[in-house]
Amino acid sequence: MPKLLAVLLAALIPLLPLIHPASAAAAEHYLCAGNPLSAEVYAGAVDAPGIPNSNGGTMPGDFIVLQWRGVSLQLPRTNNAGVPSYTDGRWWWQALDPDHPDFAQRRGAIETYPCERG
């Protein structure tokens, strides 16, 4: 019986994305501080559906994945009012101006990285 269960689980694992797909918007491409950056927003689990902040087509629980300088950053969406912003407490991203998003990190002081659509 355990072998049958293992075979069934192995057959179902490739189907998991069909059951709960990680939907993502198309990646946006930028040049930040002279280096290419891609930003892709994902719909996450909404753990507080009663929160009325769904600006920019995002909800609490969503996250963004930034690929920059060989590093992959997954930043959760904040619940700040206005344009969606994302932070993990160190890194911060917001596209108030979609052609020139704000990208920064806190390393004692705040370092900002100028970005433009690439």
C-alpha atoms as a PDB file:
ATOM      1  CA  MET A   1       0.000   0.000   0.000  1.00  0.00           C
ATOM      2  CA  PRO A   2       2.776   2.564   0.757  1.00  0.00           C
ATOM      3  CA  LYS A   3       4.276   1.996  -2.703  1.00  0.00           C
ATOM      4  CA  LEU A   4       0.891   2.626  -4.338  1.00  0.00           C
ATOM      5  CA  LEU A   5       0.515   5.851  -2.370  1.00  0.00           C
ATOM      6  CA  ALA A   6       4.010   6.968  -3.412  1.00  0.00           C
ATOM      7  CA  VAL A   7       3.224   6.245  -7.071  1.00  0.00           C
ATOM      8  CA  LEU A   8      -0.054   8.191  -6.848  1.00  0.00           C
ATOM      9  CA  LEU A   9       1.634  11.169  -5.194  1.00  0.00           C
ATOM     10  CA  ALA A  10       4.401  11.160  -7.785  1.00  0.00           C
ATOM     11  CA  ALA A  11       1.756  11.201 -10.527  1.00  0.00           C
ATOM     12  CA  LEU A  12      -0.175  14.090  -8.907  1.00  0.00           C
ATOM     13  CA  ILE A  13       2.758  16.424  -8.190  1.00  0.00           C
ATOM     14  CA  PRO A  14       2.989  17.672 -11.812  1.00  0.00           C
ATOM     15  CA  LEU A  15      -0.730  18.528 -11.635  1.00  0.00           C
ATOM     16  CA  LEU A  16      -0.401  20.864  -8.629  1.00  0.00           C
ATOM     17  CA  PRO A  17      -0.018  24.011 -10.760  1.00  0.00           C
ATOM     18  CA  LEU A  18      -3.366  23.201 -12.356  1.00  0.00           C
ATOM     19  CA  ILE A  19      -5.029  22.959  -8.954  1.00  0.00           C
ATOM     20  CA  HIS A  20      -3.540  26.178  -7.565  1.00  0.00           C
ATOM     21  CA  PRO A  21      -1.684  28.080 -10.273  1.00  0.00           C
ATOM     22  CA  ALA A  22       0.703  30.804  -9.193  1.00  0.00           C
ATOM     23  CA  SER A  23      -0.653  33.466 -11.455  1.00  0.00           C
ATOM     24  CA  ALA A  24       1.786  36.151 -12.413  1.00  0.00           C
ATOM     25  CA  ALA A  25       1.576  39.269 -14.463  1.00  0.00           C
ATOM     26  CA  ALA A  26       4.026  39.441 -17.334  1.00  0.00           C
ATOM     27  CA  ALA A  27       7.490  40.448 -16.171  1.00  0.00           C
ATOM     28  CA  GLU A  28       8.364  44.104 -16.524  1.00  0.00           C
ATOM     29  CA  HIS A  29      11.957  44.960 -17.451  1.00  0.00           C
ATOM     30  CA  TYR A  30      13.943  47.900 -16.130  1.00  0.00           C
ATOM     31  CA  LEU A  31      17.469  49.217 -15.896  1.00  0.00           C
ATOM     32  CA  CYS A  32      18.230  50.018 -12.228  1.00  0.00           C
ATOM     33  CA  ALA A  33      21.533  51.611 -11.261  1.00  0.00           C
ATOM     34  CA  GLY A  34      22.901  50.492 -14.619  1.00  0.00           C
ATOM     35  CA  ASN A  35      21.884  46.826 -14.229  1.00  0.00           C
ATOM     36  CA  PRO A  36      18.945  44.949 -15.797  1.00  0.00           C
ATOM     37  CA  LEU A  37      16.082  44.178 -13.421  1.00  0.00           C
ATOM     38  CA  SER A  38      12.940  42.131 -14.037  1.00  0.00           C
ATOM     39  CA  ALA A  39       9.854  42.530 -11.854  1.00  0.00           C
ATOM     40  CA  GLU A  40       7.034  39.999 -11.794  1.00  0.00           C
ATOM     41  CA  VAL A  41       3.938  40.357  -9.571  1.00  0.00           C
ATOM     42  CA  TYR A  42       2.302  37.172  -8.282  1.00  0.00           C
ATOM     43  CA  ALA A  43      -1.124  36.652  -6.754  1.00  0.00           C
ATOM     44  CA  GLY A  44      -0.625  35.168  -3.321  1.00  0.00           C
ATOM     45  CA  ALA A  45      -2.969  33.758  -0.744  1.00  0.00           C
ATOM     46  CA  VAL A  46      -5.310  36.461   0.504  1.00  0.00           C
ATOM     47  CA  ASP A  47      -5.349  35.969   4.243  1.00  0.00           C
ATOM     48  CA  ALA A  48      -7.511  39.008   4.993  1.00  0.00           C
ATOM     49  CA  PRO A  49     -10.124  39.390   2.246  1.00  0.00           C
ATOM     50  CA  GLY A  50     -12.014  42.029   4.261  1.00  0.00           C
ATOM     51  CA  ILE A  51      -9.175  44.546   3.875  1.00  0.00           C
ATOM     52  CA  PRO A  52     -10.406  47.004   1.259  1.00  0.00           C
ATOM     53  CA  ASN A  53      -6.997  47.830  -0.254  1.00  0.00           C
ATOM     54  CA  SER A  54      -6.946  46.260  -3.709  1.00  0.00           C
ATOM     55  CA  ASN A  55      -5.268  49.100  -5.605  1.00  0.00           C
ATOM     56  CA  GLY A  56      -3.456  48.379  -8.837  1.00  0.00           C
ATOM     57  CA  GLY A  57      -5.205  45.020  -9.193  1.00  0.00           C
ATOM     58  CA  THR A  58      -3.261  43.554  -6.264  1.00  0.00           C
ATOM     59  CA  MET A  59      -4.426  42.291  -2.877  1.00  0.00           C
ATOM     60  CA  PRO A  60      -2.785  41.776   0.505  1.00  0.00           C
ATOM     61  CA  GLY A  61      -0.935  38.466   0.186  1.00  0.00           C
ATOM     62  CA  ASP A  62       0.410  39.237  -3.289  1.00  0.00           C
ATOM     63  CA  PHE A  63       4.149  39.514  -3.799  1.00  0.00           C
ATOM     64  CA  ILE A  64       6.701  40.650  -6.357  1.00  0.00           C
ATOM     65  CA  VAL A  65       9.828  38.832  -7.478  1.00  0.00           C
ATOM     66  CA  LEU A  66      12.722  41.052  -8.523  1.00  0.00           C
ATOM     67  CA  GLN A  67      15.730  39.617 -10.389  1.00  0.00           C
ATOM     68  CA  TRP A  68      18.684  42.005 -10.167  1.00  0.00           C
ATOM     69  CA  ARG A  69      22.474  41.667 -10.071  1.00  0.00           C
ATOM     70  CA  GLY A  70      22.231  37.874  -9.795  1.00  0.00           C
ATOM     71  CA  VAL A  71      19.916  38.099  -6.775  1.00  0.00           C
ATOM     72  CA  SER A  72      16.271  37.066  -6.591  1.00  0.00           C
ATOM     73  CA  LEU A  73      14.155  39.061  -4.132  1.00  0.00           C
ATOM     74  CA  GLN A  74      10.623  38.026  -3.177  1.00  0.00           C
ATOM     75  CA  LEU A  75       8.949  41.005  -1.522  1.00  0.00           C
ATOM     76  CA  PRO A  76       5.472  40.846   0.037  1.00  0.00           C
ATOM     77  CA  ARG A  77       2.929  43.521  -0.790  1.00  0.00           C
ATOM     78  CA  THR A  78       2.394  46.123   1.894  1.00  0.00           C
ATOM     79  CA  ASN A  79      -1.060  47.258   2.931  1.00  0.00           C
ATOM     80  CA  ASN A  80      -0.196  50.914   2.418  1.00  0.00           C
ATOM     81  CA  ALA A  81      -2.861  53.004   0.735  1.00  0.00           C
ATOM     82  CA  GLY A  82      -2.290  54.045  -2.855  1.00  0.00           C
ATOM     83  CA  VAL A  83      -0.080  52.469  -5.487  1.00  0.00           C
ATOM     84  CA  PRO A  84       1.007  48.938  -4.466  1.00  0.00           C
ATOM     85  CA  SER A  85       4.379  48.787  -2.746  1.00  0.00           C
ATOM     86  CA  TYR A  86       6.424  45.786  -1.668  1.00  0.00           C
ATOM     87  CA  THR A  87       8.972  45.372   1.121  1.00  0.00           C
ATOM     88  CA  ASP A  88      10.661  42.809   3.311  1.00  0.00           C
ATOM     89  CA  GLY A  89      11.949  45.463   5.717  1.00  0.00           C
ATOM     90  CA  ARG A  90      15.257  45.811   3.899  1.00  0.00           C
ATOM     91  CA  TRP A  91      14.327  46.071   0.214  1.00  0.00           C
ATOM     92  CA  TRP A  92      11.493  48.274  -1.075  1.00  0.00           C
ATOM     93  CA  TRP A  93       9.789  48.579  -4.500  1.00  0.00           C
ATOM     94  CA  GLN A  94       6.984  50.843  -5.728  1.00  0.00           C
ATOM     95  CA  ALA A  95       6.025  51.859  -9.250  1.00  0.00           C
ATOM     96  CA  LEU A  96       4.230  55.164  -8.650  1.00  0.00           C
ATOM     97  CA  ASP A  97       5.659  56.153 -12.047  1.00  0.00           C
ATOM     98  CA  PRO A  98       5.670  52.882 -14.061  1.00  0.00           C
ATOM     99  CA  ASP A  99       8.498  54.195 -16.252  1.00  0.00           C
ATOM    100  CA  HIS A 100      10.674  55.142 -13.240  1.00  0.00           C
ATOM    101  CA  PRO A 101       9.835  52.901 -10.243  1.00  0.00           C
ATOM    102  CA  ASP A 102      11.273  53.471  -6.781  1.00  0.00           C
ATOM    103  CA  PHE A 103      13.767  50.807  -5.679  1.00  0.00           C
ATOM    104  CA  ALA A 104      15.753  51.054  -2.462  1.00  0.00           C
ATOM    105  CA  GLN A 105      17.320  49.154   0.400  1.00  0.00           C
ATOM    106  CA  ARG A 106      18.059  50.023   3.999  1.00  0.00           C
ATOM    107  CA  ARG A 107      21.672  49.364   4.981  1.00  0.00           C
ATOM    108  CA  GLY A 108      21.994  51.658   7.957  1.00  0.00           C
ATOM    109  CA  ALA A 109      21.115  54.524   5.637  1.00  0.00           C
ATOM    110  CA  ILE A 110      18.720  54.164   2.713  1.00  0.00           C
ATOM    111  CA  GLU A 111      20.345  53.440  -0.642  1.00  0.00           C
ATOM    112  CA  THR A 112      18.200  54.264  -3.663  1.00  0.00           C
ATOM    113  CA  TYR A 113      18.680  52.806  -7.126  1.00  0.00           C
ATOM    114  CA  PRO A 114      17.350  54.929  -9.998  1.00  0.00           C
ATOM    115  CA  CYS A 115      15.299  52.840 -12.416  1.00  0.00           C
ATOM    116  CA  GLU A 116      13.898  53.336 -15.890  1.00  0.00           C
ATOM    117  CA  ARG A 117      11.851  51.081 -18.088  1.00  0.00           C
ATOM    118  CA  GLY A 118      14.153  48.990 -20.223  1.00  0.00           C
END
